[in-house]
PDB file of N, CA and C in Angstrom:
ATOM      1  N   MET A   1      69.966   7.336  11.032  1.00  0.00           N
ATOM      2  CA  MET A   1      69.919   6.080  10.313  1.00  0.00           C
ATOM      3  C   MET A   1      70.372   6.298   8.874  1.00  0.00           C
ATOM      4  N   GLU A   2      71.291   5.466   8.421  1.00  0.00           N
ATOM      5  CA  GLU A   2      71.828   5.590   7.070  1.00  0.00           C
ATOM      6  C   GLU A   2      70.873   4.977   6.053  1.00  0.00           C
ATOM      7  N   PRO A   3      70.745   5.628   4.890  1.00  0.00           N
ATOM      8  CA  PRO A   3      69.910   5.012   3.844  1.00  0.00           C
ATOM      9  C   PRO A   3      70.594   3.756   3.321  1.00  0.00           C
ATOM     10  N   PRO A   4      69.807   2.781   2.860  1.00  0.00           N
ATOM     11  CA  PRO A   4      70.419   1.540   2.343  1.00  0.00           C
ATOM     12  C   PRO A   4      71.199   1.808   1.060  1.00  0.00           C
ATOM     13  N   LEU A   5      72.257   1.049   0.877  1.00  0.00           N
ATOM     14  CA  LEU A   5      73.054   1.177  -0.336  1.00  0.00           C
ATOM     15  C   LEU A   5      72.316   0.557  -1.514  1.00  0.00           C
ATOM     16  N   ARG A   6      72.461   1.169  -2.678  1.00  0.00           N
ATOM     17  CA  ARG A   6      71.883   0.597  -3.889  1.00  0.00           C
ATOM     18  C   ARG A   6      72.787  -0.474  -4.474  1.00  0.00           C
ATOM     19  N   ILE A   7      74.015  -0.509  -4.010  1.00  0.00           N
ATOM     20  CA  ILE A   7      74.984  -1.462  -4.538  1.00  0.00           C
ATOM     21  C   ILE A   7      74.732  -2.820  -3.884  1.00  0.00           C
ATOM     22  N   ARG A   8      74.421  -3.797  -4.698  1.00  0.00           N
ATOM     23  CA  ARG A   8      74.146  -5.142  -4.213  1.00  0.00           C
ATOM     24  C   ARG A   8      75.054  -6.126  -4.932  1.00  0.00           C
ATOM     25  N   LEU A   9      75.586  -7.062  -4.187  1.00  0.00           N
ATOM     26  CA  LEU A   9      76.417  -8.113  -4.766  1.00  0.00           C
ATOM     27  C   LEU A   9      75.642  -9.426  -4.709  1.00  0.00           C
ATOM     28  N   SER A  10      75.674 -10.170  -5.802  1.00  0.00           N
ATOM     29  CA  SER A  10      75.060 -11.496  -5.780  1.00  0.00           C
ATOM     30  C   SER A  10      75.871 -12.384  -4.836  1.00  0.00           C
ATOM     31  N   ASP A  11      75.276 -13.458  -4.392  1.00  0.00           N
ATOM     32  CA  ASP A  11      75.985 -14.381  -3.507  1.00  0.00           C
ATOM     33  C   ASP A  11      77.249 -14.917  -4.178  1.00  0.00           C
ATOM     34  N   GLU A  12      77.145 -15.218  -5.473  1.00  0.00           N
ATOM     35  CA  GLU A  12      78.298 -15.744  -6.210  1.00  0.00           C
ATOM     36  C   GLU A  12      79.397 -14.691  -6.316  1.00  0.00           C
ATOM     37  N   ARG A  13      79.017 -13.445  -6.619  1.00  0.00           N
ATOM     38  CA  ARG A  13      80.007 -12.366  -6.742  1.00  0.00           C
ATOM     39  C   ARG A  13      80.669 -12.104  -5.398  1.00  0.00           C
ATOM     40  N   ARG A  14      79.872 -12.090  -4.343  1.00  0.00           N
ATOM     41  CA  ARG A  14      80.418 -11.848  -3.008  1.00  0.00           C
ATOM     42  C   ARG A  14      81.423 -12.938  -2.630  1.00  0.00           C
ATOM     43  N   ALA A  15      81.064 -14.196  -2.864  1.00  0.00           N
ATOM     44  CA  ALA A  15      81.969 -15.303  -2.540  1.00  0.00           C
ATOM     45  C   ALA A  15      83.263 -15.189  -3.333  1.00  0.00           C
ATOM     46  N   ASP A  16      83.163 -14.813  -4.612  1.00  0.00           N
ATOM     47  CA  ASP A  16      84.355 -14.641  -5.441  1.00  0.00           C
ATOM     48  C   ASP A  16      85.238 -13.519  -4.903  1.00  0.00           C
ATOM     49  N   LEU A  17      84.626 -12.412  -4.541  1.00  0.00           N
ATOM     50  CA  LEU A  17      85.404 -11.275  -4.032  1.00  0.00           C
ATOM     51  C   LEU A  17      86.040 -11.581  -2.684  1.00  0.00           C
ATOM     52  N   VAL A  18      85.329 -12.295  -1.821  1.00  0.00           N
ATOM     53  CA  VAL A  18      85.908 -12.686  -0.528  1.00  0.00           C
ATOM     54  C   VAL A  18      87.139 -13.559  -0.759  1.00  0.00           C
ATOM     55  N   ALA A  19      87.033 -14.516  -1.672  1.00  0.00           N
ATOM     56  CA  ALA A  19      88.179 -15.384  -1.975  1.00  0.00           C
ATOM     57  C   ALA A  19      89.331 -14.577  -2.564  1.00  0.00           C
ATOM     58  N   ARG A  20      89.030 -13.602  -3.394  1.00  0.00           N
ATOM     59  CA  ARG A  20      90.081 -12.776  -3.991  1.00  0.00           C
ATOM     60  C   ARG A  20      90.763 -11.893  -2.947  1.00  0.00           C
ATOM     61  N   ILE A  21      89.986 -11.389  -1.987  1.00  0.00           N
ATOM     62  CA  ILE A  21      90.576 -10.607  -0.887  1.00  0.00           C
ATOM     63  C   ILE A  21      91.504 -11.491  -0.072  1.00  0.00           C
ATOM     64  N   GLN A  22      91.054 -12.689   0.237  1.00  0.00           N
ATOM     65  CA  GLN A  22      91.902 -13.617   0.989  1.00  0.00           C
ATOM     66  C   GLN A  22      93.206 -13.897   0.232  1.00  0.00           C
ATOM     67  N   ALA A  23      93.106 -14.158  -1.063  1.00  0.00           N
ATOM     68  CA  ALA A  23      94.294 -14.451  -1.869  1.00  0.00           C
ATOM     69  C   ALA A  23      95.227 -13.239  -1.928  1.00  0.00           C
ATOM     70  N   HIS A  24      94.659 -12.063  -2.076  1.00  0.00           N
ATOM     71  CA  HIS A  24      95.477 -10.837  -2.149  1.00  0.00           C
ATOM     72  C   HIS A  24      96.233 -10.606  -0.846  1.00  0.00           C
ATOM     73  N   LEU A  25      95.548 -10.740   0.267  1.00  0.00           N
ATOM     74  CA  LEU A  25      96.204 -10.530   1.561  1.00  0.00           C
ATOM     75  C   LEU A  25      97.288 -11.575   1.814  1.00  0.00           C
ATOM     76  N   ARG A  26      97.021 -12.801   1.391  1.00  0.00           N
ATOM     77  CA  ARG A  26      98.007 -13.869   1.563  1.00  0.00           C
ATOM     78  C   ARG A  26      99.232 -13.598   0.684  1.00  0.00           C
ATOM     79  N   GLU A  27      98.998 -13.217  -0.569  1.00  0.00           N
ATOM     80  CA  GLU A  27     100.101 -13.015  -1.522  1.00  0.00           C
ATOM     81  C   GLU A  27     100.920 -11.769  -1.225  1.00  0.00           C
ATOM     82  N   HIS A  28     100.259 -10.677  -0.904  1.00  0.00           N
ATOM     83  CA  HIS A  28     100.967  -9.398  -0.775  1.00  0.00           C
ATOM     84  C   HIS A  28     101.349  -9.036   0.656  1.00  0.00           C
ATOM     85  N   PHE A  29     100.665  -9.605   1.632  1.00  0.00           N
ATOM     86  CA  PHE A  29     100.936  -9.241   3.020  1.00  0.00           C
ATOM     87  C   PHE A  29     101.250 -10.445   3.903  1.00  0.00           C
ATOM     88  N   GLU A  30     101.295 -11.638   3.283  1.00  0.00           N
ATOM     89  CA  GLU A  30     101.548 -12.868   4.025  1.00  0.00           C
ATOM     90  C   GLU A  30     100.617 -12.960   5.232  1.00  0.00           C
ATOM     91  N   GLU A  31      99.366 -12.618   5.000  1.00  0.00           N
ATOM     92  CA  GLU A  31      98.346 -12.587   6.043  1.00  0.00           C
ATOM     93  C   GLU A  31      97.213 -13.524   5.662  1.00  0.00           C
ATOM     94  N   ASP A  32      97.000 -14.554   6.470  1.00  0.00           N
ATOM     95  CA  ASP A  32      95.869 -15.451   6.239  1.00  0.00           C
ATOM     96  C   ASP A  32      94.681 -14.946   7.042  1.00  0.00           C
ATOM     97  N   VAL A  33      93.589 -14.665   6.347  1.00  0.00           N
ATOM     98  CA  VAL A  33      92.366 -14.239   7.028  1.00  0.00           C
ATOM     99  C   VAL A  33      91.247 -15.185   6.621  1.00  0.00           C
ATOM    100  N   GLY A  34      90.320 -15.375   7.520  1.00  0.00           N
ATOM    101  CA  GLY A  34      89.186 -16.241   7.251  1.00  0.00           C
ATOM    102  C   GLY A  34      88.129 -15.535   6.417  1.00  0.00           C
ATOM    103  N   GLU A  35      87.109 -16.309   6.053  1.00  0.00           N
ATOM    104  CA  GLU A  35      86.021 -15.754   5.246  1.00  0.00           C
ATOM    105  C   GLU A  35      85.304 -14.619   5.977  1.00  0.00           C
ATOM    106  N   LEU A  36      85.123 -14.746   7.285  1.00  0.00           N
ATOM    107  CA  LEU A  36      84.419 -13.719   8.045  1.00  0.00           C
ATOM    108  C   LEU A  36      85.149 -12.382   7.970  1.00  0.00           C
ATOM    109  N   LYS A  37      86.452 -12.386   8.241  1.00  0.00           N
ATOM    110  CA  LYS A  37      87.225 -11.135   8.194  1.00  0.00           C
ATOM    111  C   LYS A  37      87.278 -10.569   6.780  1.00  0.00           C
ATOM    112  N   ALA A  38      87.484 -11.432   5.806  1.00  0.00           N
ATOM    113  CA  ALA A  38      87.525 -10.965   4.422  1.00  0.00           C
ATOM    114  C   ALA A  38      86.165 -10.395   4.017  1.00  0.00           C
ATOM    115  N   GLY A  39      85.078 -11.027   4.472  1.00  0.00           N
ATOM    116  CA  GLY A  39      83.735 -10.521   4.184  1.00  0.00           C
ATOM    117  C   GLY A  39      83.487  -9.175   4.845  1.00  0.00           C
ATOM    118  N   MET A  40      83.979  -9.021   6.066  1.00  0.00           N
ATOM    119  CA  MET A  40      83.833  -7.735   6.755  1.00  0.00           C
ATOM    120  C   MET A  40      84.635  -6.646   6.045  1.00  0.00           C
ATOM    121  N   LEU A  41      85.809  -6.994   5.550  1.00  0.00           N
ATOM    122  CA  LEU A  41      86.619  -6.041   4.792  1.00  0.00           C
ATOM    123  C   LEU A  41      85.904  -5.656   3.496  1.00  0.00           C
ATOM    124  N   LEU A  42      85.323  -6.632   2.823  1.00  0.00           N
ATOM    125  CA  LEU A  42      84.553  -6.358   1.610  1.00  0.00           C
ATOM    126  C   LEU A  42      83.385  -5.431   1.920  1.00  0.00           C
ATOM    127  N   ASP A  43      82.656  -5.711   2.993  1.00  0.00           N
ATOM    128  CA  ASP A  43      81.532  -4.854   3.383  1.00  0.00           C
ATOM    129  C   ASP A  43      81.998  -3.421   3.617  1.00  0.00           C
ATOM    130  N   PHE A  44      83.140  -3.258   4.283  1.00  0.00           N
ATOM    131  CA  PHE A  44      83.687  -1.924   4.529  1.00  0.00           C
ATOM    132  C   PHE A  44      83.971  -1.208   3.217  1.00  0.00           C
ATOM    133  N   PHE A  45      84.644  -1.891   2.285  1.00  0.00           N
ATOM    134  CA  PHE A  45      84.986  -1.248   1.023  1.00  0.00           C
ATOM    135  C   PHE A  45      83.751  -0.921   0.191  1.00  0.00           C
ATOM    136  N   VAL A  46      82.789  -1.813   0.180  1.00  0.00           N
ATOM    137  CA  VAL A  46      81.556  -1.537  -0.567  1.00  0.00           C
ATOM    138  C   VAL A  46      80.856  -0.315   0.032  1.00  0.00           C
ATOM    139  N   LYS A  47      80.811  -0.246   1.351  1.00  0.00           N
ATOM    140  CA  LYS A  47      80.133   0.876   2.022  1.00  0.00           C
ATOM    141  C   LYS A  47      80.883   2.191   1.828  1.00  0.00           C
ATOM    142  N   GLU A  48      82.194   2.153   1.970  1.00  0.00           N
ATOM    143  CA  GLU A  48      82.986   3.388   1.937  1.00  0.00           C
ATOM    144  C   GLU A  48      83.388   3.816   0.527  1.00  0.00           C
ATOM    145  N   LEU A  49      83.737   2.861  -0.319  1.00  0.00           N
ATOM    146  CA  LEU A  49      84.216   3.197  -1.663  1.00  0.00           C
ATOM    147  C   LEU A  49      83.145   3.028  -2.731  1.00  0.00           C
ATOM    148  N   GLY A  50      82.171   2.186  -2.462  1.00  0.00           N
ATOM    149  CA  GLY A  50      81.146   1.910  -3.467  1.00  0.00           C
ATOM    150  C   GLY A  50      80.418   3.149  -3.949  1.00  0.00           C
ATOM    151  N   PRO A  51      79.828   3.957  -3.043  1.00  0.00           N
ATOM    152  CA  PRO A  51      79.072   5.111  -3.515  1.00  0.00           C
ATOM    153  C   PRO A  51      79.883   6.120  -4.331  1.00  0.00           C
ATOM    154  N   PRO A  52      81.082   6.543  -3.891  1.00  0.00           N
ATOM    155  CA  PRO A  52      81.798   7.503  -4.728  1.00  0.00           C
ATOM    156  C   PRO A  52      82.233   6.926  -6.078  1.00  0.00           C
ATOM    157  N   VAL A  53      82.622   5.657  -6.105  1.00  0.00           N
ATOM    158  CA  VAL A  53      83.017   5.033  -7.377  1.00  0.00           C
ATOM    159  C   VAL A  53      81.795   4.880  -8.272  1.00  0.00           C
ATOM    160  N   TYR A  54      80.684   4.436  -7.709  1.00  0.00           N
ATOM    161  CA  TYR A  54      79.427   4.293  -8.450  1.00  0.00           C
ATOM    162  C   TYR A  54      78.997   5.645  -9.026  1.00  0.00           C
ATOM    163  N   ASN A  55      79.005   6.672  -8.175  1.00  0.00           N
ATOM    164  CA  ASN A  55      78.591   8.007  -8.621  1.00  0.00           C
ATOM    165  C   ASN A  55      79.502   8.537  -9.720  1.00  0.00           C
ATOM    166  N   GLN A  56      80.798   8.294  -9.615  1.00  0.00           N
ATOM    167  CA  GLN A  56      81.726   8.731 -10.659  1.00  0.00           C
ATOM    168  C   GLN A  56      81.447   8.005 -11.966  1.00  0.00           C
ATOM    169  N   ALA A  57      81.153   6.716 -11.888  1.00  0.00           N
ATOM    170  CA  ALA A  57      80.832   5.950 -13.098  1.00  0.00           C
ATOM    171  C   ALA A  57      79.564   6.479 -13.755  1.00  0.00           C
ATOM    172  N   ILE A  58      78.551   6.805 -12.957  1.00  0.00           N
ATOM    173  CA  ILE A  58      77.316   7.372 -13.498  1.00  0.00           C
ATOM    174  C   ILE A  58      77.594   8.723 -14.148  1.00  0.00           C
ATOM    175  N   LYS A  59      78.400   9.557 -13.499  1.00  0.00           N
ATOM    176  CA  LYS A  59      78.747  10.872 -14.067  1.00  0.00           C
ATOM    177  C   LYS A  59      79.511  10.708 -15.374  1.00  0.00           C
ATOM    178  N   ASP A  60      80.472   9.785 -15.401  1.00  0.00           N
ATOM    179  CA  ASP A  60      81.237   9.550 -16.622  1.00  0.00           C
ATOM    180  C   ASP A  60      80.337   9.076 -17.752  1.00  0.00           C
ATOM    181  N   ALA A  61      79.408   8.164 -17.452  1.00  0.00           N
ATOM    182  CA  ALA A  61      78.480   7.671 -18.477  1.00  0.00           C
ATOM    183  C   ALA A  61      77.574   8.798 -18.956  1.00  0.00           C
ATOM    184  N   HIS A  62      77.099   9.616 -18.038  1.00  0.00           N
ATOM    185  CA  HIS A  62      76.247  10.757 -18.395  1.00  0.00           C
ATOM    186  C   HIS A  62      76.997  11.718 -19.315  1.00  0.00           C
ATOM    187  N   ASP A  63      78.220  12.067 -18.934  1.00  0.00           N
ATOM    188  CA  ASP A  63      79.015  12.994 -19.742  1.00  0.00           C
ATOM    189  C   ASP A  63      79.294  12.422 -21.126  1.00  0.00           C
ATOM    190  N   PHE A  64      79.595  11.124 -21.205  1.00  0.00           N
ATOM    191  CA  PHE A  64      79.851  10.470 -22.479  1.00  0.00           C
ATOM    192  C   PHE A  64      78.619  10.535 -23.367  1.00  0.00           C
ATOM    193  N   LEU A  65      77.462  10.179 -22.802  1.00  0.00           N
ATOM    194  CA  LEU A  65      76.227  10.204 -23.586  1.00  0.00           C
ATOM    195  C   LEU A  65      75.847  11.616 -24.004  1.00  0.00           C
ATOM    196  N   ALA A  66      76.026  12.583 -23.116  1.00  0.00           N
ATOM    197  CA  ALA A  66      75.716  13.977 -23.447  1.00  0.00           C
ATOM    198  C   ALA A  66      76.583  14.449 -24.607  1.00  0.00           C
ATOM    199  N   GLU A  67      77.857  14.079 -24.589  1.00  0.00           N
ATOM    200  CA  GLU A  67      78.773  14.449 -25.678  1.00  0.00           C
ATOM    201  C   GLU A  67      78.321  13.817 -26.995  1.00  0.00           C
ATOM    202  N   LYS A  68      77.914  12.567 -26.945  1.00  0.00           N
ATOM    203  CA  LYS A  68      77.462  11.877 -28.157  1.00  0.00           C
ATOM    204  C   LYS A  68      76.167  12.482 -28.683  1.00  0.00           C
ATOM    205  N   LEU A  69      75.271  12.908 -27.779  1.00  0.00           N
ATOM    206  CA  LEU A  69      74.023  13.523 -28.219  1.00  0.00           C
ATOM    207  C   LEU A  69      74.270  14.850 -28.926  1.00  0.00           C
ATOM    208  N   VAL A  70      75.256  15.602 -28.455  1.00  0.00           N
ATOM    209  CA  VAL A  70      75.616  16.852 -29.122  1.00  0.00           C
ATOM    210  C   VAL A  70      76.142  16.555 -30.518  1.00  0.00           C
ATOM    211  N   ASP A  71      76.879  15.464 -30.663  1.00  0.00           N
ATOM    212  CA  ASP A  71      77.427  15.075 -31.958  1.00  0.00           C
ATOM    213  C   ASP A  71      76.359  14.618 -32.949  1.00  0.00           C
ATOM    214  N   LEU A  72      75.185  14.242 -32.459  1.00  0.00           N
ATOM    215  CA  LEU A  72      74.148  13.719 -33.351  1.00  0.00           C
ATOM    216  C   LEU A  72      73.803  14.700 -34.465  1.00  0.00           C
ATOM    217  N   ASP A  73      73.652  15.967 -34.137  1.00  0.00           N
ATOM    218  CA  ASP A  73      73.324  16.952 -35.172  1.00  0.00           C
ATOM    219  C   ASP A  73      74.387  16.993 -36.253  1.00  0.00           C
ATOM    220  N   GLY A  74      75.638  17.025 -35.850  1.00  0.00           N
ATOM    221  CA  GLY A  74      76.718  17.085 -36.829  1.00  0.00           C
ATOM    222  C   GLY A  74      76.890  15.806 -37.614  1.00  0.00           C
ATOM    223  N   GLU A  75      76.622  14.691 -36.994  1.00  0.00           N
ATOM    224  CA  GLU A  75      76.835  13.399 -37.636  1.00  0.00           C
ATOM    225  C   GLU A  75      75.673  12.948 -38.503  1.00  0.00           C
ATOM    226  N   PHE A  76      74.451  13.221 -38.070  1.00  0.00           N
ATOM    227  CA  PHE A  76      73.306  12.602 -38.727  1.00  0.00           C
ATOM    228  C   PHE A  76      72.286  13.582 -39.294  1.00  0.00           C
ATOM    229  N   TYR A  77      72.483  14.844 -39.083  1.00  0.00           N
ATOM    230  CA  TYR A  77      71.523  15.825 -39.574  1.00  0.00           C
ATOM    231  C   TYR A  77      71.636  15.936 -41.088  1.00  0.00           C
ATOM    232  N   GLU A  78      70.519  15.835 -41.744  1.00  0.00           N
ATOM    233  CA  GLU A  78      70.480  15.965 -43.198  1.00  0.00           C
ATOM    234  C   GLU A  78      69.858  17.315 -43.524  1.00  0.00           C
ATOM    235  N   PRO A  79      70.650  18.215 -44.119  1.00  0.00           N
ATOM    236  CA  PRO A  79      70.090  19.540 -44.438  1.00  0.00           C
ATOM    237  C   PRO A  79      68.927  19.396 -45.423  1.00  0.00           C
ATOM    238  N   GLU A  80      67.923  20.191 -45.200  1.00  0.00           N
ATOM    239  CA  GLU A  80      66.772  20.189 -46.097  1.00  0.00           C
ATOM    240  C   GLU A  80      66.923  21.334 -47.091  1.00  0.00           C
ATOM    241  N   GLU A  81      66.514  21.062 -48.310  1.00  0.00           N
ATOM    242  CA  GLU A  81      66.545  22.124 -49.304  1.00  0.00           C
ATOM    243  C   GLU A  81      65.379  23.062 -49.041  1.00  0.00           C
ATOM    244  N   PRO A  82      65.618  24.351 -49.235  1.00  0.00           N
ATOM    245  CA  PRO A  82      64.500  25.277 -49.028  1.00  0.00           C
ATOM    246  C   PRO A  82      63.388  25.002 -50.050  1.00  0.00           C
ATOM    247  N   PRO A  83      62.148  25.212 -49.661  1.00  0.00           N
ATOM    248  CA  PRO A  83      61.047  24.977 -50.608  1.00  0.00           C
ATOM    249  C   PRO A  83      61.174  25.881 -51.817  1.00  0.00           C
ATOM    250  N   ARG A  84      60.764  25.414 -52.973  1.00  0.00           N
ATOM    251  CA  ARG A  84      60.848  26.211 -54.216  1.00  0.00           C
ATOM    252  C   ARG A  84      59.563  26.876 -54.523  1.00  0.00           C
TER     253      ARG A  84
END
């Protein structure tokens, strides 16, 4: 049994993406597909491409933040004078 995906689409987002898939297939492949087929295609892409793209985005954000945290010392550290 596969674990559930953490990626969730709102009803509005899903409807928008289904319409965009239909428009893309019509424009680029001269293929008219109904909402059901376009929705099934969306489900496939979310299942197959969603996790690796999501994970890459999380890794990129982590790396970006880690780099910025290293910069904090150089950017914001105020040297203290030794006690007299």
